[in-house]
Protein backbone atom coordinates (compact mmCIF):
# COMPACT_ATOMS: atom_id res chain seq x y z
CA MET A 1 -15.35 23.55 -38.53
CA THR A 2 -11.93 24.46 -36.99
CA GLU A 3 -13.67 25.42 -33.75
CA ALA A 4 -15.54 22.03 -33.67
CA ASN A 5 -12.20 20.10 -34.16
CA ARG A 6 -10.59 22.41 -31.31
CA ASN A 7 -13.49 21.50 -29.09
CA THR A 8 -13.29 17.80 -29.89
CA LEU A 9 -9.59 17.71 -29.23
CA ASN A 10 -10.03 19.61 -26.03
CA VAL A 11 -12.59 17.28 -24.77
CA ARG A 12 -10.49 14.35 -25.63
CA SER A 13 -7.37 15.90 -23.97
CA ASN A 14 -9.38 16.43 -20.79
CA LYS A 15 -10.75 13.08 -20.77
CA THR A 16 -7.29 11.69 -21.18
CA LEU A 17 -6.07 13.76 -18.34
CA ILE A 18 -8.90 12.60 -16.20
CA ILE A 19 -8.10 9.03 -16.80
CA ALA A 20 -4.41 9.45 -16.32
CA VAL A 21 -4.86 11.10 -12.97
CA THR A 22 -7.30 8.32 -11.99
CA VAL A 23 -4.77 5.61 -12.91
CA VAL A 24 -1.96 7.29 -10.87
CA VAL A 25 -4.24 7.74 -7.89
CA LEU A 26 -5.22 4.24 -7.96
CA ALA A 27 -1.53 3.10 -8.32
CA ILE A 28 -0.60 5.16 -5.46
CA ILE A 29 -3.54 3.70 -3.49
CA PHE A 30 -2.75 0.00 -4.29
CA MET A 31 1.02 0.59 -3.54
CA TYR A 32 0.05 2.22 0.08
CA PHE A 33 -1.94 -0.90 0.87
CA ARG A 34 0.56 -3.27 -0.41
CA ASP A 35 3.29 -1.63 1.68
CA ARG A 36 1.01 -1.95 4.77
CA GLN A 37 0.37 -5.35 4.10
CA GLN A 38 4.26 -6.17 3.76
CA GLN A 39 5.11 -4.26 6.81
CA HIS A 40 2.40 -6.10 8.84
CA ALA A 41 4.00 -9.29 7.62
CA PHE A 42 7.45 -8.44 8.43
CA GLU A 43 6.46 -7.29 11.90
CA LEU A 44 4.66 -10.55 12.57
CA ARG A 45 7.55 -12.63 11.50
CA SER A 46 9.95 -10.52 13.76
CA LEU A 47 7.45 -11.16 16.76
CA GLU A 48 7.49 -14.92 16.08
CA LYS A 49 11.18 -14.98 15.82
CA ARG A 50 11.28 -13.11 19.26
CA VAL A 51 8.75 -15.69 20.70
CA GLU A 52 10.92 -18.56 19.41
CA LEU A 53 14.03 -17.32 21.07
CA LEU A 54 12.50 -16.76 24.24
CA GLU A 55 11.31 -20.17 24.25
CA GLU A 56 14.65 -21.47 23.32
CA TRP A 57 16.27 -19.48 26.10
CA GLY A 58 13.58 -20.30 28.72
CA MET A 59 11.38 -17.22 29.99
CA PRO A 60 12.23 -16.39 33.36
CA ARG A 61 9.52 -17.70 35.80
CA GLN A 62 7.77 -15.44 37.99
CA ASN A 63 6.66 -16.48 41.43
CA VAL A 64 3.18 -15.44 41.55
CA PRO A 65 1.43 -16.28 45.00
């Protein structure tokens, strides 16, 4: 009886550990992709600001034959 209880507890703790590791890995993956998305949005905003500044200052014209 004691051996059966010990096996049951061991299986439950293994399942709990697997679930916990899975949740942590999914959270890390989610944060990674969210960070990439935010960085992409930041770079896009920065590029848009540069273009606006260039348009305000007037881009130097190149004489192309």
